[in-house]
Amino acid sequence: MRKGYGHSGQKDLAYRCYDVAKIERPELVNTGPYGVWCVDNCGVEVVCGGTVNVESTMHWTSPVMSTWVLEGKLLFCSAYQSALQSLCDNAFPGSLVRYGVSPEQGSAPVDDSWRCVKSPLVVYEGHAKCLDSCARISTCAGGRQATGSSDWSLQRQLPPDQVDAALRDVAPPCLPTQTCVASSRNPPQCTAGESGAGASGGNVAATMHLEDGDTLETTFSSLVVGVRIGDCYLAKLDLASQRVEVGSGDRSTVISTAPATPPSKLSVHRRGNEVTLTLQYNMGTESSNSLFYAQPDASCVGREPIVFEGLEPEARVSRGRTESISS
């Protein structure tokens, strides 16, 4: 489903179910009159790839599609993201709210600010950062692309005090004694104890803890997965872009990968201040590859929280333990 023009006799922009084969140049974003628009989880329109040829398009149009968008917003838009989107609706109409949008080309965040951004500065196919239903940063659609616009006038930064106030007004989905397990569908799960095992939903964020000697493993099919250990370690596995970025503090390293075919297996091990990441992935039906990276000075102390972001519903995180060896 996209929003766009129909055949030459349909002069209005409307939601339509297009024959994918009739959408021309889907790899290119067309910001002109015959481009197409998608909606994010909160029902905000953002330009996406493809062009409608009014002479050859095949599609189905119905007013019920607008109802689908509204129903989808209730089901998929987190209360926290919705609260910030309301700020942008008032401050910069026609924009969508995203975290860490960079003035540089590409989607890597360079700051910790929330901004109201408009297309074509952001496009649906670009990776972005939003708030999930547990108020955690998670991957979402509608971000920068290397080939996207560089018109920086299409954004406004939200004042941090307004962001904080809006988020405080959102009623927490879980009790203080419970762990919130996010999914793409509302509401999130509220569980007692760690939430890595048995978490369900879509785009799951599994929250556990990592101590000295611990090993956590997960097998997943998502193409973009994040790993965050407290404030001491961060990794982003972007298999769609064939890159893995790992870092600690202000230091980061980017590692290239071969084209990956799901599922993939990720292992995170901690020994003292060293965090080791091992990724095993398929490159087709009969070949596989692996990536190993050790961060010797991650400065993790004691029992650190670890969050796996972007896991699909079926993914599970299992815990092992390797005792530290005293030297």
Protein backbone atom coordinates (compact mmCIF):
# COMPACT_ATOMS: atom_id res chain seq x y z
CA MET A 1 0.00 0.00 0.00
CA ARG A 2 1.30 3.44 -0.96
CA LYS A 3 -0.10 6.95 -1.25
CA GLY A 4 0.14 8.31 -4.77
CA TYR A 5 -1.59 9.09 -8.03
CA GLY A 6 -3.72 6.60 -9.95
CA HIS A 7 -4.24 6.53 -13.71
CA SER A 8 -4.51 9.71 -15.77
CA GLY A 9 -8.17 10.16 -14.81
CA GLN A 10 -7.46 10.03 -11.05
CA LYS A 11 -6.05 13.42 -10.14
CA ASP A 12 -6.09 12.98 -6.35
CA LEU A 13 -3.40 11.61 -4.05
CA ALA A 14 -4.86 8.60 -2.25
CA TYR A 15 -3.85 5.36 -0.56
CA ARG A 16 -3.79 2.58 -3.13
CA CYS A 17 -2.68 -1.03 -3.39
CA TYR A 18 -0.32 -0.92 -6.37
CA ASP A 19 0.89 -3.81 -8.48
CA VAL A 20 4.54 -3.85 -7.38
CA ALA A 21 5.66 -4.75 -10.90
CA LYS A 22 4.10 -1.49 -12.15
CA ILE A 23 5.95 0.76 -9.68
CA GLU A 24 8.84 2.15 -11.72
CA ARG A 25 12.38 2.63 -10.34
CA PRO A 26 11.59 1.41 -6.79
CA GLU A 27 15.24 1.88 -5.86
CA LEU A 28 14.99 5.66 -6.40
CA VAL A 29 13.08 8.21 -4.35
CA ASN A 30 10.93 10.53 -6.45
CA THR A 31 9.95 13.72 -4.63
CA GLY A 32 8.00 15.00 -7.63
CA PRO A 33 4.25 14.73 -8.24
CA TYR A 34 4.38 11.07 -9.26
CA GLY A 35 6.39 9.78 -6.33
CA VAL A 36 4.83 7.55 -3.68
CA TRP A 37 4.51 7.89 0.08
CA CYS A 38 4.54 5.33 2.89
CA VAL A 39 3.50 5.66 6.53
CA ASP A 40 5.55 4.86 9.62
CA ASN A 41 4.23 3.06 12.71
CA CYS A 42 2.62 6.28 13.93
CA GLY A 43 0.79 6.92 10.66
CA VAL A 44 3.10 9.76 9.58
CA GLU A 45 3.68 9.96 5.85
CA VAL A 46 7.25 9.80 4.52
CA VAL A 47 8.40 9.57 0.91
CA CYS A 48 9.49 6.11 -0.25
CA GLY A 49 11.04 4.60 -3.36
CA GLY A 50 9.24 4.35 -6.67
CA THR A 51 7.37 6.31 -9.33
CA VAL A 52 3.80 5.93 -10.59
CA ASN A 53 3.36 5.85 -14.37
CA VAL A 54 -0.20 7.08 -14.87
CA GLU A 55 -0.34 5.42 -18.29
CA SER A 56 0.45 1.88 -17.09
CA THR A 57 -0.27 1.73 -13.35
CA MET A 58 -2.39 -1.10 -11.96
CA HIS A 59 -3.86 -0.57 -8.51
CA TRP A 60 -6.88 -0.80 -6.23
CA THR A 61 -8.23 2.27 -4.44
CA SER A 62 -10.62 2.33 -1.48
CA PRO A 63 -11.48 4.84 1.29
CA VAL A 64 -11.07 2.00 3.79
CA MET A 65 -7.29 2.30 3.48
CA SER A 66 -7.30 5.54 5.46
CA THR A 67 -9.03 3.59 8.23
CA TRP A 68 -6.27 0.97 8.05
CA VAL A 69 -3.70 3.69 8.72
CA LEU A 70 -5.58 4.94 11.80
CA GLU A 71 -6.06 1.40 13.12
CA GLY A 72 -2.40 0.63 12.51
CA LYS A 73 -1.37 3.69 14.50
CA LEU A 74 -3.28 2.43 17.55
CA LEU A 75 -1.68 -0.99 17.21
CA PHE A 76 1.92 -0.16 16.28
CA CYS A 77 2.74 3.39 17.48
CA SER A 78 4.31 3.39 20.94
CA ALA A 79 2.88 5.88 23.45
CA TYR A 80 6.34 7.43 23.91
CA GLN A 81 6.95 7.92 20.20
CA SER A 82 3.42 9.31 19.82
CA ALA A 83 4.08 11.87 22.57
CA LEU A 84 7.14 13.20 20.76
CA GLN A 85 5.38 13.11 17.40
CA SER A 86 2.71 15.41 18.85
CA LEU A 87 5.45 17.94 19.63
CA CYS A 88 6.56 17.87 15.99
CA ASP A 89 2.98 18.10 14.73
CA ASN A 90 2.70 21.42 16.58
CA ALA A 91 6.22 22.77 16.05
CA PHE A 92 6.91 21.68 12.45
CA PRO A 93 3.75 20.36 10.71
CA GLY A 94 4.33 17.66 8.13
CA SER A 95 7.44 16.30 9.85
CA LEU A 96 8.20 13.10 11.72
CA VAL A 97 10.22 12.83 14.92
CA ARG A 98 13.53 10.95 14.85
CA TYR A 99 16.53 10.60 17.16
CA GLY A 100 20.14 11.44 16.28
CA VAL A 101 19.54 12.61 12.70
CA SER A 102 22.89 13.69 11.33
CA PRO A 103 23.59 16.66 9.03
CA GLU A 104 26.06 14.33 7.29
CA GLN A 105 24.96 11.88 4.59
CA GLY A 106 24.07 8.43 5.92
CA SER A 107 22.02 7.37 8.90
CA ALA A 108 24.62 7.18 11.70
CA PRO A 109 23.58 9.45 14.60
CA VAL A 110 26.16 12.01 15.72
CA ASP A 111 24.23 13.65 18.54
CA ASP A 112 21.69 12.81 21.21
CA SER A 113 18.92 15.17 20.10
CA TRP A 114 15.38 14.60 18.91
CA ARG A 115 14.50 16.39 15.67
CA CYS A 116 11.41 17.02 13.59
CA VAL A 117 12.43 16.10 10.03
CA LYS A 118 10.66 16.22 6.67
CA SER A 119 11.03 14.30 3.43
CA PRO A 120 13.16 14.21 1.37
CA LEU A 121 15.76 14.81 4.11
CA VAL A 122 14.54 11.45 5.39
CA VAL A 123 13.06 8.62 3.34
CA TYR A 124 11.11 5.53 4.36
CA GLU A 125 13.89 3.11 3.38
CA GLY A 126 16.47 4.86 5.57
CA HIS A 127 17.31 3.43 9.00
CA ALA A 128 16.31 5.68 11.90
CA LYS A 129 15.96 5.72 15.68
CA CYS A 130 12.62 5.93 17.49
CA LEU A 131 11.23 5.06 20.93
CA ASP A 132 9.71 1.63 21.45
CA SER A 133 6.81 0.84 23.76
CA CYS A 134 9.21 0.64 26.73
CA ALA A 135 10.77 4.08 26.02
CA ARG A 136 14.00 2.55 24.69
CA ILE A 137 15.76 3.68 21.53
CA SER A 138 15.08 1.20 18.71
CA THR A 139 15.46 0.98 14.94
CA CYS A 140 12.60 2.25 12.78
CA ALA A 141 11.88 3.32 9.21
CA GLY A 142 12.28 6.88 7.97
CA GLY A 143 15.94 7.95 8.18
CA ARG A 144 18.79 9.42 6.16
CA GLN A 145 20.21 7.75 3.08
CA ALA A 146 23.59 8.28 1.46
CA THR A 147 21.84 9.45 -1.71
CA GLY A 148 19.19 11.50 0.07
CA SER A 149 18.66 15.23 0.31
CA SER A 150 21.08 17.45 2.23
CA ASP A 151 18.62 20.32 2.71
CA TRP A 152 19.16 20.94 6.43
CA SER A 153 16.29 23.47 6.50
CA LEU A 154 13.92 20.47 6.54
CA GLN A 155 14.54 19.82 10.24
CA ARG A 156 13.98 21.43 13.63
CA GLN A 157 15.53 20.34 16.93
CA LEU A 158 13.13 19.72 19.81
CA PRO A 159 14.13 21.46 23.07
CA PRO A 160 15.32 18.80 25.57
CA ASP A 161 13.07 20.16 28.33
CA GLN A 162 10.00 19.70 26.10
CA VAL A 163 11.08 16.14 25.27
CA ASP A 164 11.56 15.29 28.95
CA ALA A 165 8.21 16.79 29.92
CA ALA A 166 6.35 14.95 27.15
CA LEU A 167 7.87 11.60 28.11
CA ARG A 168 7.11 12.13 31.81
CA ASP A 169 3.45 12.59 30.93
CA VAL A 170 3.25 9.09 29.42
CA ALA A 171 1.88 6.54 31.88
CA PRO A 172 4.45 3.73 32.35
CA PRO A 173 3.15 0.48 30.84
CA CYS A 174 4.58 -1.68 33.65
CA LEU A 175 4.90 -1.58 37.43
CA PRO A 176 8.26 -0.51 38.93
CA THR A 177 8.87 -4.12 40.02
CA GLN A 178 8.34 -5.45 36.49
CA THR A 179 10.51 -5.56 33.38
CA CYS A 180 9.10 -4.04 30.22
CA VAL A 181 9.56 -6.16 27.08
CA ALA A 182 8.95 -4.10 23.95
CA SER A 183 7.40 -5.27 20.71
CA SER A 184 6.08 -3.53 17.62
CA ARG A 185 2.52 -4.16 18.83
CA ASN A 186 0.86 -2.39 21.75
CA PRO A 187 0.91 -3.01 24.62
CA PRO A 188 4.36 -4.32 25.63
CA GLN A 189 4.78 -7.31 27.91
CA CYS A 190 5.41 -6.78 31.63
CA THR A 191 7.39 -9.60 33.22
CA ALA A 192 9.09 -10.33 36.52
CA GLY A 193 12.86 -10.76 36.27
CA GLU A 194 14.89 -10.81 33.08
CA SER A 195 13.09 -10.48 29.80
CA GLY A 196 15.42 -12.15 27.35
CA ALA A 197 13.85 -15.61 27.37
CA GLY A 198 10.38 -16.10 25.97
CA ALA A 199 9.97 -12.50 24.81
CA SER A 200 7.35 -12.23 22.08
CA GLY A 201 6.07 -9.59 19.69
CA GLY A 202 7.88 -7.91 16.82
CA ASN A 203 11.15 -5.96 16.86
CA VAL A 204 11.74 -7.27 20.39
CA ALA A 205 14.16 -5.59 22.78
CA ALA A 206 15.48 -8.25 25.18
CA THR A 207 16.86 -6.84 28.45
CA MET A 208 19.16 -8.97 30.62
CA HIS A 209 22.33 -8.56 32.69
CA LEU A 210 25.95 -9.40 31.92
CA GLU A 211 28.49 -10.19 34.63
CA ASP A 212 32.16 -11.12 34.50
CA GLY A 213 32.36 -14.56 32.89
CA ASP A 214 28.90 -14.46 31.27
CA THR A 215 28.14 -15.46 27.70
CA LEU A 216 24.83 -14.59 26.01
CA GLU A 217 23.79 -16.12 22.69
CA THR A 218 20.93 -15.53 20.28
CA THR A 219 19.97 -16.80 16.83
CA PHE A 220 18.06 -14.19 14.84
CA SER A 221 16.70 -13.38 11.39
CA SER A 222 16.62 -9.58 11.65
CA LEU A 223 19.01 -7.68 9.39
CA VAL A 224 19.64 -4.87 11.89
CA VAL A 225 20.35 -5.72 15.54
CA GLY A 226 21.83 -3.57 18.29
CA VAL A 227 23.65 -4.62 21.47
CA ARG A 228 24.12 -2.18 24.35
CA ILE A 229 25.90 -2.99 27.62
CA GLY A 230 25.21 -0.25 30.17
CA ASP A 231 27.22 2.81 29.18
CA CYS A 232 30.39 0.83 28.45
CA TYR A 233 29.79 -0.96 25.14
CA LEU A 234 27.68 -0.58 22.01
CA ALA A 235 27.47 -2.68 18.85
CA LYS A 236 25.26 -2.31 15.76
CA LEU A 237 24.98 -5.21 13.35
CA ASP A 238 23.65 -3.86 10.05
CA LEU A 239 23.74 -6.93 7.84
CA ALA A 240 21.62 -5.18 5.22
CA SER A 241 24.47 -2.68 4.72
CA GLN A 242 27.15 -5.35 5.29
CA ARG A 243 28.75 -3.63 8.29
CA VAL A 244 29.20 -4.09 12.00
CA GLU A 245 30.06 -1.13 14.22
CA VAL A 246 31.39 -1.73 17.74
CA GLY A 247 32.59 0.79 20.26
CA SER A 248 33.26 1.77 23.83
CA GLY A 249 33.22 5.35 25.10
CA ASP A 250 34.28 7.65 22.26
CA ARG A 251 36.09 4.88 20.35
CA SER A 252 34.43 2.88 17.59
CA THR A 253 35.45 0.40 14.89
CA VAL A 254 33.59 -0.48 11.69
CA ILE A 255 33.98 -3.98 10.25
CA SER A 256 32.71 -5.05 6.83
CA THR A 257 30.81 -8.31 6.36
CA ALA A 258 29.93 -10.40 3.33
CA PRO A 259 26.29 -10.47 2.15
CA ALA A 260 24.34 -12.39 4.80
CA THR A 261 21.35 -14.71 4.52
CA PRO A 262 19.32 -15.19 7.74
CA PRO A 263 19.40 -16.72 10.24
CA SER A 264 22.56 -15.52 12.02
CA LYS A 265 24.01 -16.38 15.42
CA LEU A 266 25.46 -13.81 17.82
CA SER A 267 27.49 -14.48 20.97
CA VAL A 268 28.55 -11.82 23.49
CA HIS A 269 31.10 -12.79 26.15
CA ARG A 270 32.53 -10.69 28.95
CA ARG A 271 35.73 -11.36 30.88
CA GLY A 272 36.78 -8.51 33.14
CA ASN A 273 36.90 -5.33 31.03
CA GLU A 274 37.05 -7.28 27.78
CA VAL A 275 33.89 -7.79 25.72
CA THR A 276 34.05 -10.28 22.86
CA LEU A 277 31.51 -10.36 20.05
CA THR A 278 31.24 -13.38 17.72
CA LEU A 279 28.91 -13.34 14.71
CA GLN A 280 28.22 -16.39 12.56
CA TYR A 281 26.16 -15.88 9.42
CA ASN A 282 25.17 -17.67 6.23
CA MET A 283 26.19 -16.49 2.77
CA GLY A 284 23.81 -18.77 0.89
CA THR A 285 22.61 -22.33 1.10
CA GLU A 286 26.02 -23.97 1.36
CA SER A 287 28.47 -21.42 2.75
CA SER A 288 28.91 -19.47 5.96
CA ASN A 289 31.25 -16.94 7.51
CA SER A 290 32.12 -15.65 10.96
CA LEU A 291 33.30 -12.41 12.54
CA PHE A 292 35.20 -12.15 15.83
CA TYR A 293 36.02 -8.89 17.60
CA ALA A 294 37.40 -8.35 21.10
CA GLN A 295 37.15 -4.96 22.85
CA PRO A 296 39.86 -5.19 25.56
CA ASP A 297 39.09 -1.94 27.41
CA ALA A 298 35.30 -1.69 27.54
CA SER A 299 35.41 -0.46 31.18
CA CYS A 300 32.36 -2.49 32.19
CA VAL A 301 32.07 -2.71 35.97
CA GLY A 302 30.09 -5.18 38.07
CA ARG A 303 26.68 -6.35 36.88
CA GLU A 304 25.85 -4.39 33.73
CA PRO A 305 22.45 -4.33 31.95
CA ILE A 306 22.59 -5.62 28.37
CA VAL A 307 19.92 -4.91 25.76
CA PHE A 308 19.51 -6.71 22.43
CA GLU A 309 17.45 -4.47 20.13
CA GLY A 310 15.69 -5.36 16.90
CA LEU A 311 15.16 -9.08 17.50
CA GLU A 312 12.21 -10.74 15.78
CA PRO A 313 9.43 -12.49 17.77
CA GLU A 314 10.92 -15.98 17.49
CA ALA A 315 14.41 -14.98 18.69
CA ARG A 316 15.51 -16.14 22.14
CA VAL A 317 18.52 -15.14 24.21
CA SER A 318 20.21 -17.95 26.13
CA ARG A 319 22.71 -17.60 28.94
CA GLY A 320 25.93 -19.52 29.45
CA ARG A 321 28.78 -18.88 31.82
CA THR A 322 32.54 -19.23 31.61
CA GLU A 323 34.32 -18.69 34.91
CA SER A 324 37.06 -16.08 34.98
CA ILE A 325 40.59 -17.44 35.20
CA SER A 326 42.75 -15.63 37.72
CA SER A 327 46.22 -14.85 36.49
